[in-house]
Amino acid sequence: MTKEQYEYWEDFRSKEGKPSGKEAKEIAKMYAEIFNRKYWLPCGCNGTRWQGWIDELNEHFLSIEKPTE
C-alpha cells in the first residue's frame, strides 16, 4: 500500500454509508493493485462483493505501518 493509498483509506474509513461511484472506482483500483488482481468494477448492487473487498482492504490497512514514501 502506497502512502497515497494509505491516506486515502484512512480518510475513507472515517466515513459512513455506501461508497460513492468515485469511491467505488478507487476501491476497485486499490484492491486490484494491492492484491495483484485484474481491475474489475462489480455492479453496485452486489453489496456482498463490495463489503468483502472493503473488509480485506481494512485487514491489510490495519496490518501495516503507515508508509513514509
C-alpha atoms as a PDB file:
ATOM      1  CA  MET A   1       0.000   0.000   0.000  1.00  0.00           C
ATOM      2  CA  THR A   2       1.483   3.307  -1.038  1.00  0.00           C
ATOM      3  CA  LYS A   3       1.439   6.351   1.207  1.00  0.00           C
ATOM      4  CA  GLU A   4      -1.240   7.911  -1.016  1.00  0.00           C
ATOM      5  CA  GLN A   5      -3.395   4.765  -0.830  1.00  0.00           C
ATOM      6  CA  TYR A   6      -2.887   4.565   2.924  1.00  0.00           C
ATOM      7  CA  GLU A   7      -4.014   8.157   3.415  1.00  0.00           C
ATOM      8  CA  TYR A   8      -6.981   7.668   1.091  1.00  0.00           C
ATOM      9  CA  TRP A   9      -8.035   4.555   3.018  1.00  0.00           C
ATOM     10  CA  GLU A  10      -7.556   6.310   6.342  1.00  0.00           C
ATOM     11  CA  ASP A  11      -9.963   9.030   5.162  1.00  0.00           C
ATOM     12  CA  PHE A  12     -12.389   6.529   3.617  1.00  0.00           C
ATOM     13  CA  ARG A  13     -12.618   4.577   6.885  1.00  0.00           C
ATOM     14  CA  SER A  14     -13.731   7.710   8.736  1.00  0.00           C
ATOM     15  CA  LYS A  15     -16.868   7.994   6.571  1.00  0.00           C
ATOM     16  CA  GLU A  16     -20.157   6.193   6.966  1.00  0.00           C
ATOM     17  CA  GLY A  17     -22.621   4.939   4.411  1.00  0.00           C
ATOM     18  CA  LYS A  18     -22.414   3.451   0.954  1.00  0.00           C
ATOM     19  CA  PRO A  19     -19.389   4.400  -1.192  1.00  0.00           C
ATOM     20  CA  SER A  20     -19.998   6.922  -3.978  1.00  0.00           C
ATOM     21  CA  GLY A  21     -19.320   5.974  -7.592  1.00  0.00           C
ATOM     22  CA  LYS A  22     -15.928   7.690  -7.453  1.00  0.00           C
ATOM     23  CA  GLU A  23     -15.072   5.889  -4.201  1.00  0.00           C
ATOM     24  CA  ALA A  24     -16.154   2.547  -5.683  1.00  0.00           C
ATOM     25  CA  LYS A  25     -13.764   3.017  -8.607  1.00  0.00           C
ATOM     26  CA  GLU A  26     -10.924   3.876  -6.215  1.00  0.00           C
ATOM     27  CA  ILE A  27     -11.706   0.823  -4.050  1.00  0.00           C
ATOM     28  CA  ALA A  28     -11.648  -1.438  -7.121  1.00  0.00           C
ATOM     29  CA  LYS A  29      -8.372   0.114  -8.307  1.00  0.00           C
ATOM     30  CA  MET A  30      -6.735  -0.228  -4.881  1.00  0.00           C
ATOM     31  CA  TYR A  31      -7.977  -3.788  -4.470  1.00  0.00           C
ATOM     32  CA  ALA A  32      -6.538  -4.774  -7.866  1.00  0.00           C
ATOM     33  CA  GLU A  33      -3.167  -3.135  -7.157  1.00  0.00           C
ATOM     34  CA  ILE A  34      -2.730  -4.310  -3.569  1.00  0.00           C
ATOM     35  CA  PHE A  35      -3.870  -7.891  -4.118  1.00  0.00           C
ATOM     36  CA  ASN A  36      -2.386  -8.212  -7.629  1.00  0.00           C
ATOM     37  CA  ARG A  37      -5.730  -8.806  -9.325  1.00  0.00           C
ATOM     38  CA  LYS A  38      -7.149  -7.638 -12.628  1.00  0.00           C
ATOM     39  CA  TYR A  39      -9.114  -4.374 -12.293  1.00  0.00           C
ATOM     40  CA  TRP A  40     -12.821  -5.092 -12.253  1.00  0.00           C
ATOM     41  CA  LEU A  41     -15.731  -2.880 -11.251  1.00  0.00           C
ATOM     42  CA  PRO A  42     -18.576  -5.040  -9.907  1.00  0.00           C
ATOM     43  CA  CYS A  43     -22.198  -3.983 -10.070  1.00  0.00           C
ATOM     44  CA  GLY A  44     -23.122  -1.524  -7.326  1.00  0.00           C
ATOM     45  CA  CYS A  45     -25.983  -3.831  -6.374  1.00  0.00           C
ATOM     46  CA  ASN A  46     -23.524  -6.511  -5.219  1.00  0.00           C
ATOM     47  CA  GLY A  47     -23.084  -5.312  -1.638  1.00  0.00           C
ATOM     48  CA  THR A  48     -21.556  -8.606  -0.520  1.00  0.00           C
ATOM     49  CA  ARG A  49     -18.680  -8.316  -3.016  1.00  0.00           C
ATOM     50  CA  TRP A  50     -18.020  -4.680  -2.093  1.00  0.00           C
ATOM     51  CA  GLN A  51     -18.107  -5.377   1.629  1.00  0.00           C
ATOM     52  CA  GLY A  52     -15.714  -8.285   1.161  1.00  0.00           C
ATOM     53  CA  TRP A  53     -13.244  -6.045  -0.661  1.00  0.00           C
ATOM     54  CA  ILE A  54     -13.593  -3.334   1.974  1.00  0.00           C
ATOM     55  CA  ASP A  55     -13.028  -5.898   4.735  1.00  0.00           C
ATOM     56  CA  GLU A  56      -9.896  -7.237   3.012  1.00  0.00           C
ATOM     57  CA  LEU A  57      -8.531  -3.731   2.460  1.00  0.00           C
ATOM     58  CA  ASN A  58      -9.237  -2.896   6.109  1.00  0.00           C
ATOM     59  CA  GLU A  59      -7.344  -6.014   7.257  1.00  0.00           C
ATOM     60  CA  HIS A  60      -4.392  -5.052   5.089  1.00  0.00           C
ATOM     61  CA  PHE A  61      -4.534  -1.415   6.267  1.00  0.00           C
ATOM     62  CA  LEU A  62      -4.523  -2.479   9.920  1.00  0.00           C
ATOM     63  CA  SER A  63      -1.662  -4.946   9.419  1.00  0.00           C
ATOM     64  CA  ILE A  64       0.888  -2.428   8.123  1.00  0.00           C
ATOM     65  CA  GLU A  65       2.569   0.713   9.364  1.00  0.00           C
ATOM     66  CA  LYS A  66       1.888   3.990   7.588  1.00  0.00           C
ATOM     67  CA  PRO A  67       4.262   4.216   4.620  1.00  0.00           C
ATOM     68  CA  THR A  68       6.695   7.128   4.671  1.00  0.00           C
ATOM     69  CA  GLU A  69       7.004   7.400   0.893  1.00  0.00           C
END
